[in-house]
């Protein structure tokens, strides 16, 4: 195995490794953006509910009316949060699947590169 073959194999391996790191970075950034957007939506729901709560306190004439409308607000907010949590689970599940795809592709790639190295070493020893 001469130095040129060694450098070619090392260069290819480094290039593949760098490409995989870029893919992981893209997956992480995409997941981060989706999670932050989801959390911002939840915060908006909280602020909207707080505004509605203030309106209820201002406009309510009777305590039973206030309690009933507060229960409605709480139920609506709870449903929105539940939906948000389902979206988070989906984002994380998709991210896990993308990680798994990269890991599997990397394993195939590593095996192929090791086979190349073994073949080059075998030819070098035969020569």
N, C-alpha and C. Protein backbone atom coordinates (compact mmCIF):
# COMPACT_ATOMS: atom_id res chain seq x y z
N UNK A 1 0.86 -1.18 0.00
CA UNK A 1 0.00 0.00 0.00
C UNK A 1 0.90 1.22 0.00
N UNK A 2 0.81 2.01 -1.07
CA UNK A 2 1.67 3.19 -1.14
C UNK A 2 1.01 4.39 -0.47
N UNK A 3 1.78 5.45 -0.31
CA UNK A 3 1.30 6.63 0.40
C UNK A 3 0.14 7.29 -0.33
N UNK A 4 0.17 7.28 -1.64
CA UNK A 4 -0.89 7.90 -2.42
C UNK A 4 -2.23 7.22 -2.15
N UNK A 5 -2.23 5.90 -2.17
CA UNK A 5 -3.46 5.16 -1.87
C UNK A 5 -3.95 5.45 -0.45
N UNK A 6 -3.00 5.55 0.47
CA UNK A 6 -3.35 5.86 1.86
C UNK A 6 -4.01 7.22 1.95
N UNK A 7 -3.42 8.21 1.29
CA UNK A 7 -3.98 9.56 1.34
C UNK A 7 -5.36 9.62 0.67
N UNK A 8 -5.53 8.90 -0.42
CA UNK A 8 -6.83 8.87 -1.09
C UNK A 8 -7.89 8.28 -0.17
N UNK A 9 -7.57 7.17 0.48
CA UNK A 9 -8.53 6.53 1.39
C UNK A 9 -8.82 7.42 2.60
N UNK A 10 -7.80 8.06 3.15
CA UNK A 10 -8.00 8.95 4.29
C UNK A 10 -8.83 10.17 3.89
N UNK A 11 -8.56 10.70 2.71
CA UNK A 11 -9.31 11.85 2.23
C UNK A 11 -10.79 11.50 2.03
N UNK A 12 -11.03 10.34 1.43
CA UNK A 12 -12.41 9.90 1.20
C UNK A 12 -13.13 9.70 2.53
N UNK A 13 -12.45 9.07 3.46
CA UNK A 13 -13.03 8.83 4.78
C UNK A 13 -13.35 10.14 5.49
N UNK A 14 -12.44 11.09 5.43
CA UNK A 14 -12.65 12.40 6.06
C UNK A 14 -13.81 13.15 5.40
N UNK A 15 -13.88 13.08 4.09
CA UNK A 15 -14.97 13.75 3.37
C UNK A 15 -16.32 13.16 3.75
N UNK A 16 -16.39 11.85 3.84
CA UNK A 16 -17.63 11.18 4.23
C UNK A 16 -18.02 11.55 5.66
N UNK A 17 -17.03 11.57 6.55
CA UNK A 17 -17.27 11.93 7.95
C UNK A 17 -17.80 13.36 8.04
N UNK A 18 -17.19 14.27 7.32
CA UNK A 18 -17.62 15.68 7.32
C UNK A 18 -19.04 15.81 6.77
N UNK A 19 -19.36 15.09 5.71
CA UNK A 19 -20.71 15.14 5.14
C UNK A 19 -21.74 14.64 6.15
N UNK A 20 -21.40 13.59 6.87
CA UNK A 20 -22.32 13.07 7.89
C UNK A 20 -22.50 14.06 9.03
N UNK A 21 -21.43 14.73 9.43
CA UNK A 21 -21.55 15.76 10.46
C UNK A 21 -22.46 16.89 10.01
N UNK A 22 -22.34 17.28 8.75
CA UNK A 22 -23.23 18.32 8.21
C UNK A 22 -24.69 17.87 8.23
N UNK A 23 -24.93 16.61 7.88
CA UNK A 23 -26.30 16.09 7.92
C UNK A 23 -26.85 16.12 9.35
N UNK A 24 -26.02 15.72 10.31
CA UNK A 24 -26.45 15.75 11.71
C UNK A 24 -26.75 17.18 12.16
N UNK A 25 -25.90 18.11 11.75
CA UNK A 25 -26.12 19.51 12.11
C UNK A 25 -27.44 20.02 11.52
N UNK A 26 -27.73 19.65 10.29
CA UNK A 26 -28.99 20.06 9.65
C UNK A 26 -30.19 19.47 10.38
N UNK A 27 -30.09 18.21 10.76
CA UNK A 27 -31.18 17.56 11.50
C UNK A 27 -31.39 18.27 12.83
N UNK A 28 -30.29 18.54 13.53
CA UNK A 28 -30.39 19.22 14.83
C UNK A 28 -31.00 20.60 14.69
N UNK A 29 -30.57 21.35 13.69
CA UNK A 29 -31.09 22.71 13.50
C UNK A 29 -32.57 22.68 13.14
N UNK A 30 -32.95 21.76 12.29
CA UNK A 30 -34.35 21.62 11.91
C UNK A 30 -35.22 21.27 13.12
N UNK A 31 -34.75 20.32 13.91
CA UNK A 31 -35.50 19.93 15.11
C UNK A 31 -35.60 21.10 16.08
N UNK A 32 -34.49 21.80 16.26
CA UNK A 32 -34.48 22.95 17.17
C UNK A 32 -35.48 24.02 16.71
N UNK A 33 -35.48 24.34 15.44
CA UNK A 33 -36.39 25.36 14.92
C UNK A 33 -37.85 24.94 15.12
N UNK A 34 -38.16 23.68 14.87
CA UNK A 34 -39.52 23.20 15.05
C UNK A 34 -39.94 23.24 16.52
N UNK A 35 -39.02 22.83 17.40
CA UNK A 35 -39.34 22.82 18.83
C UNK A 35 -39.53 24.23 19.37
N UNK A 36 -38.68 25.15 18.94
CA UNK A 36 -38.81 26.53 19.40
C UNK A 36 -40.11 27.15 18.89
N UNK A 37 -40.43 26.89 17.63
CA UNK A 37 -41.69 27.41 17.08
C UNK A 37 -42.89 26.86 17.86
N UNK A 38 -42.83 25.59 18.21
CA UNK A 38 -43.91 24.99 18.99
C UNK A 38 -44.02 25.60 20.37
N UNK A 39 -42.89 25.84 21.01
CA UNK A 39 -42.91 26.44 22.34
C UNK A 39 -43.40 27.88 22.29
N UNK A 40 -43.07 28.59 21.23
CA UNK A 40 -43.57 29.95 21.07
C UNK A 40 -45.09 29.94 20.90
N UNK A 41 -45.60 28.97 20.18
CA UNK A 41 -47.05 28.85 20.01
C UNK A 41 -47.72 28.58 21.37
N UNK A 42 -47.11 27.73 22.19
CA UNK A 42 -47.66 27.45 23.52
C UNK A 42 -47.66 28.73 24.36
N UNK A 43 -46.57 29.48 24.30
CA UNK A 43 -46.52 30.74 25.06
C UNK A 43 -47.61 31.70 24.59
N UNK A 44 -47.85 31.74 23.29
CA UNK A 44 -48.93 32.58 22.77
C UNK A 44 -50.29 32.14 23.32
N UNK A 45 -50.50 30.82 23.42
CA UNK A 45 -51.75 30.31 23.99
C UNK A 45 -51.89 30.77 25.45
N UNK A 46 -50.80 30.70 26.19
CA UNK A 46 -50.84 31.15 27.58
C UNK A 46 -51.18 32.63 27.67
N UNK A 47 -50.54 33.45 26.84
CA UNK A 47 -50.81 34.89 26.88
C UNK A 47 -52.24 35.21 26.47
N UNK A 48 -52.73 34.52 25.43
CA UNK A 48 -54.11 34.72 25.01
C UNK A 48 -55.09 34.34 26.12
N UNK A 49 -54.80 33.23 26.78
CA UNK A 49 -55.66 32.78 27.88
C UNK A 49 -55.61 33.78 29.04
N UNK A 50 -54.43 34.31 29.32
CA UNK A 50 -54.31 35.31 30.39
C UNK A 50 -55.12 36.56 30.04
N UNK A 51 -55.08 36.96 28.78
CA UNK A 51 -55.88 38.12 28.34
C UNK A 51 -57.37 37.85 28.48
N UNK A 52 -57.77 36.66 28.07
CA UNK A 52 -59.19 36.30 28.20
C UNK A 52 -59.59 36.23 29.68
N UNK A 53 -58.69 35.74 30.51
CA UNK A 53 -58.95 35.67 31.95
C UNK A 53 -59.16 37.08 32.51
N UNK A 54 -58.34 38.03 32.09
CA UNK A 54 -58.49 39.41 32.56
C UNK A 54 -59.83 39.98 32.12
N UNK A 55 -60.23 39.69 30.89
CA UNK A 55 -61.54 40.15 30.39
C UNK A 55 -62.67 39.54 31.22
N UNK A 56 -62.54 38.25 31.54
CA UNK A 56 -63.57 37.60 32.36
C UNK A 56 -63.69 38.27 33.72
N UNK A 57 -62.55 38.54 34.33
CA UNK A 57 -62.57 39.17 35.65
C UNK A 57 -63.22 40.56 35.59
N UNK A 58 -63.01 41.23 34.49
CA UNK A 58 -63.56 42.57 34.33
C UNK A 58 -65.07 42.53 34.06
N UNK A 59 -65.50 41.54 33.24
CA UNK A 59 -66.88 41.53 32.76
C UNK A 59 -67.83 40.64 33.56
N UNK A 60 -67.32 39.73 34.36
CA UNK A 60 -68.19 38.78 35.06
C UNK A 60 -69.05 39.49 36.09
N UNK A 61 -70.32 39.10 36.12
CA UNK A 61 -71.26 39.67 37.07
C UNK A 61 -71.44 38.76 38.29
N UNK A 62 -71.36 37.44 38.04
CA UNK A 62 -71.59 36.48 39.12
C UNK A 62 -70.40 35.53 39.21
N UNK A 63 -70.18 35.01 40.39
CA UNK A 63 -69.06 34.09 40.63
C UNK A 63 -69.24 32.79 39.85
N UNK A 64 -70.45 32.24 39.83
CA UNK A 64 -70.66 30.98 39.12
C UNK A 64 -70.41 31.14 37.62
N UNK A 65 -70.76 32.29 37.07
CA UNK A 65 -70.49 32.58 35.65
C UNK A 65 -68.98 32.65 35.42
N UNK A 66 -68.26 33.30 36.32
CA UNK A 66 -66.80 33.42 36.22
C UNK A 66 -66.14 32.05 36.28
N UNK A 67 -66.54 31.24 37.23
CA UNK A 67 -65.95 29.91 37.40
C UNK A 67 -66.22 29.06 36.17
N UNK A 68 -67.42 29.13 35.62
CA UNK A 68 -67.76 28.34 34.42
C UNK A 68 -66.88 28.75 33.24
N UNK A 69 -66.72 30.04 33.04
CA UNK A 69 -65.92 30.51 31.90
C UNK A 69 -64.43 30.23 32.13
N UNK A 70 -63.98 30.29 33.38
CA UNK A 70 -62.60 29.93 33.67
C UNK A 70 -62.35 28.45 33.37
N UNK A 71 -63.32 27.61 33.68
CA UNK A 71 -63.20 26.18 33.38
C UNK A 71 -63.10 25.96 31.88
N UNK A 72 -63.89 26.71 31.10
CA UNK A 72 -63.81 26.61 29.64
C UNK A 72 -62.43 27.03 29.14
N UNK A 73 -61.92 28.14 29.68
CA UNK A 73 -60.58 28.60 29.29
C UNK A 73 -59.53 27.54 29.62
N UNK A 74 -59.63 26.97 30.81
CA UNK A 74 -58.66 25.96 31.23
C UNK A 74 -58.73 24.73 30.33
N UNK A 75 -59.95 24.32 29.97
CA UNK A 75 -60.11 23.16 29.09
C UNK A 75 -59.51 23.45 27.72
N UNK A 76 -59.81 24.63 27.16
CA UNK A 76 -59.26 25.00 25.85
C UNK A 76 -57.74 25.05 25.88
N UNK A 77 -57.19 25.65 26.93
CA UNK A 77 -55.74 25.73 27.05
C UNK A 77 -55.13 24.34 27.19
N UNK A 78 -55.76 23.50 27.98
CA UNK A 78 -55.28 22.12 28.15
C UNK A 78 -55.27 21.36 26.84
N UNK A 79 -56.30 21.55 26.03
CA UNK A 79 -56.37 20.88 24.72
C UNK A 79 -55.27 21.38 23.80
N UNK A 80 -55.01 22.67 23.83
CA UNK A 80 -53.96 23.24 23.00
C UNK A 80 -52.58 22.73 23.43
N UNK A 81 -52.37 22.64 24.74
CA UNK A 81 -51.09 22.12 25.24
C UNK A 81 -50.94 20.65 24.88
N UNK A 82 -52.00 19.88 24.99
CA UNK A 82 -51.95 18.47 24.62
C UNK A 82 -51.59 18.33 23.14
N UNK A 83 -52.20 19.13 22.30
CA UNK A 83 -51.89 19.09 20.87
C UNK A 83 -50.43 19.46 20.63
N UNK A 84 -49.95 20.46 21.33
CA UNK A 84 -48.56 20.87 21.22
C UNK A 84 -47.62 19.73 21.63
N UNK A 85 -47.96 19.04 22.70
CA UNK A 85 -47.13 17.92 23.15
C UNK A 85 -47.11 16.79 22.13
N UNK A 86 -48.23 16.56 21.47
CA UNK A 86 -48.27 15.54 20.41
C UNK A 86 -47.34 15.94 19.26
N UNK A 87 -47.32 17.23 18.94
CA UNK A 87 -46.42 17.72 17.88
C UNK A 87 -44.96 17.55 18.28
N UNK A 88 -44.65 17.79 19.54
CA UNK A 88 -43.28 17.61 20.03
C UNK A 88 -42.86 16.15 19.90
N UNK A 89 -43.75 15.25 20.29
CA UNK A 89 -43.45 13.81 20.18
C UNK A 89 -43.20 13.45 18.72
N UNK A 90 -43.99 13.99 17.82
CA UNK A 90 -43.81 13.71 16.38
C UNK A 90 -42.46 14.26 15.88
N UNK A 91 -42.12 15.47 16.30
CA UNK A 91 -40.84 16.07 15.90
C UNK A 91 -39.69 15.19 16.38
N UNK A 92 -39.73 14.79 17.65
CA UNK A 92 -38.66 13.96 18.21
C UNK A 92 -38.60 12.59 17.55
N UNK A 93 -39.75 12.05 17.23
CA UNK A 93 -39.79 10.75 16.55
C UNK A 93 -39.17 10.85 15.16
N UNK A 94 -39.53 11.90 14.43
CA UNK A 94 -38.95 12.10 13.10
C UNK A 94 -37.44 12.32 13.18
N UNK A 95 -37.01 13.07 14.19
CA UNK A 95 -35.58 13.32 14.36
C UNK A 95 -34.85 12.02 14.66
N UNK A 96 -35.43 11.19 15.53
CA UNK A 96 -34.83 9.89 15.83
C UNK A 96 -34.69 9.05 14.56
N UNK A 97 -35.74 9.05 13.72
CA UNK A 97 -35.70 8.28 12.48
C UNK A 97 -34.60 8.79 11.55
N UNK A 98 -34.44 10.11 11.49
CA UNK A 98 -33.38 10.68 10.65
C UNK A 98 -32.00 10.30 11.19
N UNK A 99 -31.82 10.34 12.52
CA UNK A 99 -30.55 9.91 13.12
C UNK A 99 -30.27 8.45 12.77
N UNK A 100 -31.30 7.63 12.86
CA UNK A 100 -31.13 6.21 12.59
C UNK A 100 -30.71 5.98 11.13
N UNK A 101 -31.32 6.72 10.22
CA UNK A 101 -30.95 6.59 8.80
C UNK A 101 -29.47 6.92 8.59
N UNK A 102 -29.03 7.99 9.24
CA UNK A 102 -27.62 8.38 9.09
C UNK A 102 -26.71 7.32 9.71
N UNK A 103 -27.09 6.81 10.86
CA UNK A 103 -26.26 5.78 11.52
C UNK A 103 -26.16 4.53 10.65
N UNK A 104 -27.28 4.12 10.08
CA UNK A 104 -27.26 2.93 9.22
C UNK A 104 -26.44 3.17 7.96
N UNK A 105 -26.60 4.34 7.35
CA UNK A 105 -25.81 4.66 6.15
C UNK A 105 -24.32 4.75 6.49
N UNK A 106 -24.01 5.30 7.66
CA UNK A 106 -22.62 5.41 8.08
C UNK A 106 -22.00 4.04 8.31
N UNK A 107 -22.77 3.13 8.86
CA UNK A 107 -22.27 1.77 9.09
C UNK A 107 -21.96 1.08 7.76
N UNK A 108 -22.85 1.24 6.80
CA UNK A 108 -22.62 0.66 5.47
C UNK A 108 -21.39 1.30 4.83
N UNK A 109 -21.30 2.60 4.97
CA UNK A 109 -20.17 3.34 4.42
C UNK A 109 -18.85 2.90 5.06
N UNK A 110 -18.84 2.76 6.38
CA UNK A 110 -17.63 2.34 7.09
C UNK A 110 -17.22 0.93 6.67
N UNK A 111 -18.19 0.05 6.54
CA UNK A 111 -17.89 -1.32 6.11
C UNK A 111 -17.28 -1.32 4.71
N UNK A 112 -17.84 -0.51 3.84
CA UNK A 112 -17.31 -0.42 2.48
C UNK A 112 -15.87 0.10 2.48
N UNK A 113 -15.64 1.12 3.30
CA UNK A 113 -14.28 1.68 3.36
C UNK A 113 -13.29 0.67 3.96
N UNK A 114 -13.72 -0.07 4.96
CA UNK A 114 -12.84 -1.09 5.54
C UNK A 114 -12.54 -2.19 4.52
N UNK A 115 -13.54 -2.53 3.73
CA UNK A 115 -13.31 -3.53 2.68
C UNK A 115 -12.31 -3.01 1.65
N UNK A 116 -12.41 -1.72 1.31
CA UNK A 116 -11.45 -1.12 0.38
C UNK A 116 -10.04 -1.17 0.95
N UNK A 117 -9.91 -0.80 2.21
CA UNK A 117 -8.60 -0.81 2.86
C UNK A 117 -8.05 -2.23 2.88
N UNK A 118 -8.88 -3.18 3.22
CA UNK A 118 -8.44 -4.58 3.27
C UNK A 118 -7.97 -5.04 1.89
N UNK A 119 -8.70 -4.62 0.86
CA UNK A 119 -8.33 -5.02 -0.50
C UNK A 119 -6.99 -4.39 -0.91
N UNK A 120 -6.81 -3.13 -0.57
CA UNK A 120 -5.55 -2.45 -0.89
C UNK A 120 -4.39 -3.09 -0.15
N UNK A 121 -4.60 -3.41 1.13
CA UNK A 121 -3.55 -4.05 1.92
C UNK A 121 -3.24 -5.42 1.35
N UNK A 122 -4.27 -6.13 0.94
CA UNK A 122 -4.08 -7.47 0.37
C UNK A 122 -3.25 -7.39 -0.90
N UNK A 123 -3.54 -6.42 -1.76
CA UNK A 123 -2.76 -6.26 -3.00
C UNK A 123 -1.34 -5.82 -2.69
N UNK A 124 -1.19 -4.99 -1.68
CA UNK A 124 0.14 -4.49 -1.32
C UNK A 124 1.01 -5.64 -0.78
N UNK A 125 0.39 -6.52 -0.01
CA UNK A 125 1.14 -7.64 0.54
C UNK A 125 1.50 -8.65 -0.54
N UNK A 126 0.64 -8.77 -1.54
CA UNK A 126 0.90 -9.71 -2.63
C UNK A 126 2.01 -9.22 -3.55
N UNK A 127 2.18 -7.90 -3.58
CA UNK A 127 3.18 -7.33 -4.50
C UNK A 127 4.58 -7.41 -3.98
